[in-house]
Every structure is written in structure tokens, then in C-alpha cells.
Amino acid sequence: IADFIERLDVLFMLYLIIGGFFKISIFFYAAVAASADIFRIPNQRKIGFPLGMIVLFASVTIASNFAEHIKEGLVVVPVYLHWPFQIIIPFMLLIIAFFRNRKKKKSPA
């Protein structure tokens, strides 16, 4: 039974690779769909390749090795992505929704 347990690391790595592939695919599809919607491009296929080249170029220039990748993920991402998207923007939307709903309740219909 010990040989079987020792060989489970291969299945775990396969699971990580397949999971990473699907995660990247879903994020890329969302980026293509959002970009096509923002720029009002009717066919999403026209923007897929250029956006893929931008992602490829950005991934090479942002972090050239794994140590830089980890540093970016621990230092830059929390400050420039997590704070705005998880705290600042939702708080601002909550304040805006509060004032809009307060204005609707005061005005008699």
C-alpha cells in the first residue's frame, strides 16, 4: 500500500495542471467577452488572438522567473488588485446604492 500512496503525487500534479488549464481558459474567455463587449466588436473571434498576444507579452515582461512571480503575487497584487476590487469599489457602490435608495424613498409617488 505504501507504493500506491507514493504514486499519488503524479495524480495530484495532473489534477493541478488540468485545473490550471481550465482556470486560465475561463479567465481568458471572460477577458475576450468583456473586451468585445466594451469595444462593441460583434465577433469575439476577432479579438481573441490580439488579446492572447497581449497576455503572452505581459506574462513574459511582468515576471521572468518563479521568484519574481511569487513576489508580484504577494506584494503587488494585494495592493493594486485586491484592495480596489474587494474593498474600495464595493464600498463605493454600497454608498451610491444607499443614497439612490434613500432619495427614492423620500420622494412621494
C-alpha atoms as a PDB file:
ATOM      1  CA  ILE A   1       0.000   0.000   0.000  1.00  0.00           C
ATOM      2  CA  ALA A   2       2.975   2.343   0.521  1.00  0.00           C
ATOM      3  CA  ASP A   3       3.858   2.232  -3.193  1.00  0.00           C
ATOM      4  CA  PHE A   4       0.325   3.293  -4.075  1.00  0.00           C
ATOM      5  CA  ILE A   5       0.435   6.258  -1.679  1.00  0.00           C
ATOM      6  CA  GLU A   6       3.839   7.325  -3.016  1.00  0.00           C
ATOM      7  CA  ARG A   7       2.477   7.390  -6.561  1.00  0.00           C
ATOM      8  CA  LEU A   8      -0.454   9.698  -5.753  1.00  0.00           C
ATOM      9  CA  ASP A   9       1.737  12.754  -6.321  1.00  0.00           C
ATOM     10  CA  VAL A  10       1.515  12.131 -10.068  1.00  0.00           C
ATOM     11  CA  LEU A  11      -2.283  12.262  -9.923  1.00  0.00           C
ATOM     12  CA  PHE A  12      -2.151  15.398  -7.813  1.00  0.00           C
ATOM     13  CA  MET A  13       0.156  17.142 -10.297  1.00  0.00           C
ATOM     14  CA  LEU A  14      -2.091  16.060 -13.174  1.00  0.00           C
ATOM     15  CA  TYR A  15      -5.057  17.496 -11.293  1.00  0.00           C
ATOM     16  CA  LEU A  16      -3.201  20.811 -10.767  1.00  0.00           C
ATOM     17  CA  ILE A  17      -2.247  21.081 -14.437  1.00  0.00           C
ATOM     18  CA  ILE A  18      -5.757  20.321 -15.686  1.00  0.00           C
ATOM     19  CA  GLY A  19      -7.309  22.662 -13.101  1.00  0.00           C
ATOM     20  CA  GLY A  20      -4.883  25.438 -14.046  1.00  0.00           C
ATOM     21  CA  PHE A  21      -5.698  24.982 -17.716  1.00  0.00           C
ATOM     22  CA  PHE A  22      -9.435  25.327 -17.108  1.00  0.00           C
ATOM     23  CA  LYS A  23      -8.928  28.322 -14.800  1.00  0.00           C
ATOM     24  CA  ILE A  24      -6.806  30.139 -17.374  1.00  0.00           C
ATOM     25  CA  SER A  25      -9.251  29.228 -20.155  1.00  0.00           C
ATOM     26  CA  ILE A  26     -12.238  30.620 -18.247  1.00  0.00           C
ATOM     27  CA  PHE A  27     -10.401  33.826 -17.316  1.00  0.00           C
ATOM     28  CA  PHE A  28      -9.244  34.317 -20.900  1.00  0.00           C
ATOM     29  CA  TYR A  29     -12.736  33.729 -22.278  1.00  0.00           C
ATOM     30  CA  ALA A  30     -14.123  36.266 -19.790  1.00  0.00           C
ATOM     31  CA  ALA A  31     -11.472  38.795 -20.845  1.00  0.00           C
ATOM     32  CA  VAL A  32     -12.248  38.270 -24.538  1.00  0.00           C
ATOM     33  CA  ALA A  33     -16.006  38.513 -23.992  1.00  0.00           C
ATOM     34  CA  ALA A  34     -15.656  41.646 -21.856  1.00  0.00           C
ATOM     35  CA  SER A  35     -13.260  43.296 -24.321  1.00  0.00           C
ATOM     36  CA  ALA A  36     -15.555  42.541 -27.240  1.00  0.00           C
ATOM     37  CA  ASP A  37     -18.477  43.982 -25.293  1.00  0.00           C
ATOM     38  CA  ILE A  38     -16.592  47.106 -24.211  1.00  0.00           C
ATOM     39  CA  PHE A  39     -15.252  47.873 -27.680  1.00  0.00           C
ATOM     40  CA  ARG A  40     -18.531  46.772 -29.346  1.00  0.00           C
ATOM     41  CA  ILE A  41     -16.942  44.155 -31.565  1.00  0.00           C
ATOM     42  CA  PRO A  42     -19.697  41.823 -32.835  1.00  0.00           C
ATOM     43  CA  ASN A  43     -17.437  38.815 -33.432  1.00  0.00           C
ATOM     44  CA  GLN A  44     -15.400  37.769 -30.390  1.00  0.00           C
ATOM     45  CA  ARG A  45     -13.048  35.685 -32.521  1.00  0.00           C
ATOM     46  CA  LYS A  46     -11.524  38.839 -33.992  1.00  0.00           C
ATOM     47  CA  ILE A  47     -10.221  39.972 -30.613  1.00  0.00           C
ATOM     48  CA  GLY A  48      -9.072  36.590 -29.254  1.00  0.00           C
ATOM     49  CA  PHE A  49      -5.661  36.449 -30.942  1.00  0.00           C
ATOM     50  CA  PRO A  50      -4.614  40.062 -30.234  1.00  0.00           C
ATOM     51  CA  LEU A  51      -5.659  39.735 -26.605  1.00  0.00           C
ATOM     52  CA  GLY A  52      -3.787  36.439 -26.368  1.00  0.00           C
ATOM     53  CA  MET A  53      -0.638  38.115 -27.667  1.00  0.00           C
ATOM     54  CA  ILE A  54      -1.033  40.899 -25.097  1.00  0.00           C
ATOM     55  CA  VAL A  55      -1.404  38.323 -22.308  1.00  0.00           C
ATOM     56  CA  LEU A  56       1.634  36.408 -23.564  1.00  0.00           C
ATOM     57  CA  PHE A  57       3.785  39.537 -23.789  1.00  0.00           C
ATOM     58  CA  ALA A  58       2.615  40.753 -20.371  1.00  0.00           C
ATOM     59  CA  SER A  59       3.276  37.382 -18.740  1.00  0.00           C
ATOM     60  CA  VAL A  60       6.867  37.389 -20.001  1.00  0.00           C
ATOM     61  CA  THR A  61       7.606  41.001 -19.076  1.00  0.00           C
ATOM     62  CA  ILE A  62       5.948  41.135 -15.659  1.00  0.00           C
ATOM     63  CA  ALA A  63       7.806  38.200 -14.123  1.00  0.00           C
ATOM     64  CA  SER A  64      10.682  36.480 -15.854  1.00  0.00           C
ATOM     65  CA  ASN A  65      11.095  33.701 -13.264  1.00  0.00           C
ATOM     66  CA  PHE A  66       9.155  31.993 -10.484  1.00  0.00           C
ATOM     67  CA  ALA A  67      10.662  34.097  -7.689  1.00  0.00           C
ATOM     68  CA  GLU A  68       9.502  37.304  -9.374  1.00  0.00           C
ATOM     69  CA  HIS A  69       6.091  35.724  -9.961  1.00  0.00           C
ATOM     70  CA  ILE A  70       5.721  34.980  -6.237  1.00  0.00           C
ATOM     71  CA  LYS A  71       6.905  38.490  -5.320  1.00  0.00           C
ATOM     72  CA  GLU A  72       4.347  40.036  -7.682  1.00  0.00           C
ATOM     73  CA  GLY A  73       1.624  37.845  -6.209  1.00  0.00           C
ATOM     74  CA  LEU A  74       2.465  38.728  -2.608  1.00  0.00           C
ATOM     75  CA  VAL A  75       3.401  42.408  -2.921  1.00  0.00           C
ATOM     76  CA  VAL A  76       1.790  43.970  -5.993  1.00  0.00           C
ATOM     77  CA  VAL A  77      -1.471  42.046  -6.405  1.00  0.00           C
ATOM     78  CA  PRO A  78      -2.892  42.674  -2.903  1.00  0.00           C
ATOM     79  CA  VAL A  79      -2.250  46.418  -3.125  1.00  0.00           C
ATOM     80  CA  TYR A  80      -3.286  47.118  -6.707  1.00  0.00           C
ATOM     81  CA  LEU A  81      -5.951  44.446  -7.271  1.00  0.00           C
ATOM     82  CA  HIS A  82      -7.384  43.094  -4.021  1.00  0.00           C
ATOM     83  CA  TRP A  83      -7.899  46.423  -2.242  1.00  0.00           C
ATOM     84  CA  PRO A  84      -9.664  48.177  -5.128  1.00  0.00           C
ATOM     85  CA  PHE A  85     -11.766  45.235  -6.350  1.00  0.00           C
ATOM     86  CA  GLN A  86     -12.641  43.690  -2.979  1.00  0.00           C
ATOM     87  CA  ILE A  87     -12.909  46.696  -0.679  1.00  0.00           C
ATOM     88  CA  ILE A  88     -12.882  50.126  -2.327  1.00  0.00           C
ATOM     89  CA  ILE A  89     -15.203  49.596  -5.338  1.00  0.00           C
ATOM     90  CA  PRO A  90     -17.836  47.547  -3.406  1.00  0.00           C
ATOM     91  CA  PHE A  91     -17.836  50.145  -0.613  1.00  0.00           C
ATOM     92  CA  MET A  92     -18.322  52.970  -3.113  1.00  0.00           C
ATOM     93  CA  LEU A  93     -21.152  51.048  -4.807  1.00  0.00           C
ATOM     94  CA  LEU A  94     -22.769  50.473  -1.407  1.00  0.00           C
ATOM     95  CA  ILE A  95     -22.651  54.196  -0.653  1.00  0.00           C
ATOM     96  CA  ILE A  96     -24.083  55.062  -4.084  1.00  0.00           C
ATOM     97  CA  ALA A  97     -26.872  52.488  -3.689  1.00  0.00           C
ATOM     98  CA  PHE A  98     -27.668  53.820  -0.217  1.00  0.00           C
ATOM     99  CA  PHE A  99     -28.035  57.401  -1.445  1.00  0.00           C
ATOM    100  CA  ARG A 100     -30.072  56.379  -4.501  1.00  0.00           C
ATOM    101  CA  ASN A 101     -32.475  54.278  -2.449  1.00  0.00           C
ATOM    102  CA  ARG A 102     -32.774  56.994   0.186  1.00  0.00           C
ATOM    103  CA  LYS A 103     -33.694  59.522  -2.494  1.00  0.00           C
ATOM    104  CA  LYS A 104     -36.371  57.182  -3.928  1.00  0.00           C
ATOM    105  CA  LYS A 105     -37.951  56.567  -0.520  1.00  0.00           C
ATOM    106  CA  LYS A 106     -38.218  60.295   0.305  1.00  0.00           C
ATOM    107  CA  SER A 107     -39.970  61.318  -2.916  1.00  0.00           C
ATOM    108  CA  PRO A 108     -43.718  60.537  -2.753  1.00  0.00           C
ATOM    109  CA  ALA A 109     -45.004  58.656  -5.759  1.00  0.00           C
END
